[in-house]
């Protein structure tokens, strides 16, 4: 359950940071690799391209943080 909290915390933080700075890697590179045209269509007041890039970044960094947390938790537990 703690892993979910770590993921969501990192996800929301990186989502906000990526909306403010959409050039943050690797979201833009992934978006460019799938060959989707850029659009300024607003979704919740945010351009769709920026929102998609932000979600890519948030998911990737959230998974990385969750994996690091899980490995650290397993390493910290004493072996019987």
C-alpha atoms as a PDB file:
ATOM      1  CA  UNK A   1       0.000   0.000   0.000  1.00  0.00           C
ATOM      2  CA  UNK A   2       2.906   2.346   0.658  1.00  0.00           C
ATOM      3  CA  UNK A   3       4.094   1.786  -2.903  1.00  0.00           C
ATOM      4  CA  UNK A   4       0.825   3.189  -4.251  1.00  0.00           C
ATOM      5  CA  UNK A   5       1.285   6.343  -2.189  1.00  0.00           C
ATOM      6  CA  UNK A   6       4.845   6.721  -3.488  1.00  0.00           C
ATOM      7  CA  UNK A   7       3.664   6.273  -7.081  1.00  0.00           C
ATOM      8  CA  UNK A   8       0.782   8.742  -6.748  1.00  0.00           C
ATOM      9  CA  UNK A   9       2.927  11.356  -5.023  1.00  0.00           C
ATOM     10  CA  UNK A  10       5.602  11.198  -7.713  1.00  0.00           C
ATOM     11  CA  UNK A  11       2.972  10.986 -10.459  1.00  0.00           C
ATOM     12  CA  UNK A  12       1.173  14.157  -9.367  1.00  0.00           C
ATOM     13  CA  UNK A  13       4.416  16.055  -8.732  1.00  0.00           C
ATOM     14  CA  UNK A  14       5.923  15.157 -12.102  1.00  0.00           C
ATOM     15  CA  UNK A  15       2.598  15.796 -13.850  1.00  0.00           C
ATOM     16  CA  UNK A  16       2.527  19.353 -12.501  1.00  0.00           C
ATOM     17  CA  UNK A  17       6.206  19.895 -13.322  1.00  0.00           C
ATOM     18  CA  UNK A  18       5.776  18.535 -16.847  1.00  0.00           C
ATOM     19  CA  UNK A  19       2.796  20.778 -17.522  1.00  0.00           C
ATOM     20  CA  UNK A  20       4.942  23.753 -16.524  1.00  0.00           C
ATOM     21  CA  UNK A  21       7.992  22.496 -18.470  1.00  0.00           C
ATOM     22  CA  UNK A  22       6.858  20.114 -21.271  1.00  0.00           C
ATOM     23  CA  UNK A  23      10.360  19.718 -22.731  1.00  0.00           C
ATOM     24  CA  UNK A  24      11.355  17.525 -19.770  1.00  0.00           C
ATOM     25  CA  UNK A  25      12.594  14.155 -21.025  1.00  0.00           C
ATOM     26  CA  UNK A  26      11.546  11.431 -21.903  1.00  0.00           C
ATOM     27  CA  UNK A  27       7.936  12.501 -22.562  1.00  0.00           C
ATOM     28  CA  UNK A  28       8.656  14.662 -25.583  1.00  0.00           C
ATOM     29  CA  UNK A  29      10.899  12.012 -27.134  1.00  0.00           C
ATOM     30  CA  UNK A  30       8.208   9.348 -26.711  1.00  0.00           C
ATOM     31  CA  UNK A  31       5.569  11.670 -28.167  1.00  0.00           C
ATOM     32  CA  UNK A  32       7.773  12.409 -31.172  1.00  0.00           C
ATOM     33  CA  UNK A  33       8.552   8.694 -31.643  1.00  0.00           C
ATOM     34  CA  UNK A  34       4.890   7.723 -32.037  1.00  0.00           C
ATOM     35  CA  UNK A  35       4.494  10.292 -34.854  1.00  0.00           C
ATOM     36  CA  UNK A  36       1.369  12.003 -33.562  1.00  0.00           C
ATOM     37  CA  UNK A  37       0.855  15.542 -34.898  1.00  0.00           C
ATOM     38  CA  UNK A  38       1.001  18.422 -32.417  1.00  0.00           C
ATOM     39  CA  UNK A  39      -2.307  20.044 -31.553  1.00  0.00           C
ATOM     40  CA  UNK A  40      -3.317  23.064 -29.514  1.00  0.00           C
ATOM     41  CA  UNK A  41      -6.767  21.651 -28.753  1.00  0.00           C
ATOM     42  CA  UNK A  42      -7.407  22.449 -25.077  1.00  0.00           C
ATOM     43  CA  UNK A  43      -8.225  19.672 -22.611  1.00  0.00           C
ATOM     44  CA  UNK A  44      -9.129  21.128 -19.213  1.00  0.00           C
ATOM     45  CA  UNK A  45      -7.514  24.357 -20.397  1.00  0.00           C
ATOM     46  CA  UNK A  46      -4.183  22.683 -21.209  1.00  0.00           C
ATOM     47  CA  UNK A  47      -3.072  21.959 -24.788  1.00  0.00           C
ATOM     48  CA  UNK A  48      -3.561  18.255 -25.562  1.00  0.00           C
ATOM     49  CA  UNK A  49       0.057  17.765 -26.645  1.00  0.00           C
ATOM     50  CA  UNK A  50       1.387  19.180 -23.373  1.00  0.00           C
ATOM     51  CA  UNK A  51      -1.029  17.039 -21.357  1.00  0.00           C
ATOM     52  CA  UNK A  52      -0.030  13.836 -23.175  1.00  0.00           C
ATOM     53  CA  UNK A  53       3.677  14.591 -22.697  1.00  0.00           C
ATOM     54  CA  UNK A  54       3.060  15.313 -19.010  1.00  0.00           C
ATOM     55  CA  UNK A  55       1.221  11.998 -18.528  1.00  0.00           C
ATOM     56  CA  UNK A  56       4.041  10.083 -20.263  1.00  0.00           C
ATOM     57  CA  UNK A  57       6.582  11.701 -17.936  1.00  0.00           C
ATOM     58  CA  UNK A  58       4.466  11.181 -14.832  1.00  0.00           C
ATOM     59  CA  UNK A  59       3.904   7.481 -15.523  1.00  0.00           C
ATOM     60  CA  UNK A  60       7.550   6.779 -16.313  1.00  0.00           C
ATOM     61  CA  UNK A  61       8.949   8.644 -13.313  1.00  0.00           C
ATOM     62  CA  UNK A  62       6.218   7.208 -11.069  1.00  0.00           C
ATOM     63  CA  UNK A  63       7.113   3.650 -12.058  1.00  0.00           C
ATOM     64  CA  UNK A  64      10.812   4.320 -11.516  1.00  0.00           C
ATOM     65  CA  UNK A  65      10.147   5.766  -8.050  1.00  0.00           C
ATOM     66  CA  UNK A  66       7.869   2.846  -7.180  1.00  0.00           C
ATOM     67  CA  UNK A  67      10.516   0.307  -8.280  1.00  0.00           C
ATOM     68  CA  UNK A  68      13.239   2.055  -6.262  1.00  0.00           C
ATOM     69  CA  UNK A  69      10.959   2.158  -3.220  1.00  0.00           C
ATOM     70  CA  UNK A  70      10.024  -1.528  -3.571  1.00  0.00           C
ATOM     71  CA  UNK A  71      13.650  -2.659  -3.908  1.00  0.00           C
ATOM     72  CA  UNK A  72      14.679  -0.506  -0.930  1.00  0.00           C
ATOM     73  CA  UNK A  73      11.867  -1.941   1.195  1.00  0.00           C
ATOM     74  CA  UNK A  74      12.823  -5.507   0.318  1.00  0.00           C
ATOM     75  CA  UNK A  75      16.496  -4.843   1.045  1.00  0.00           C
ATOM     76  CA  UNK A  76      15.688  -3.212   4.373  1.00  0.00           C
ATOM     77  CA  UNK A  77      13.705  -6.143   5.775  1.00  0.00           C
ATOM     78  CA  UNK A  78      15.840  -8.543   7.843  1.00  0.00           C
ATOM     79  CA  UNK A  79      16.076 -12.101   6.575  1.00  0.00           C
ATOM     80  CA  UNK A  80      14.911 -14.786   9.040  1.00  0.00           C
END
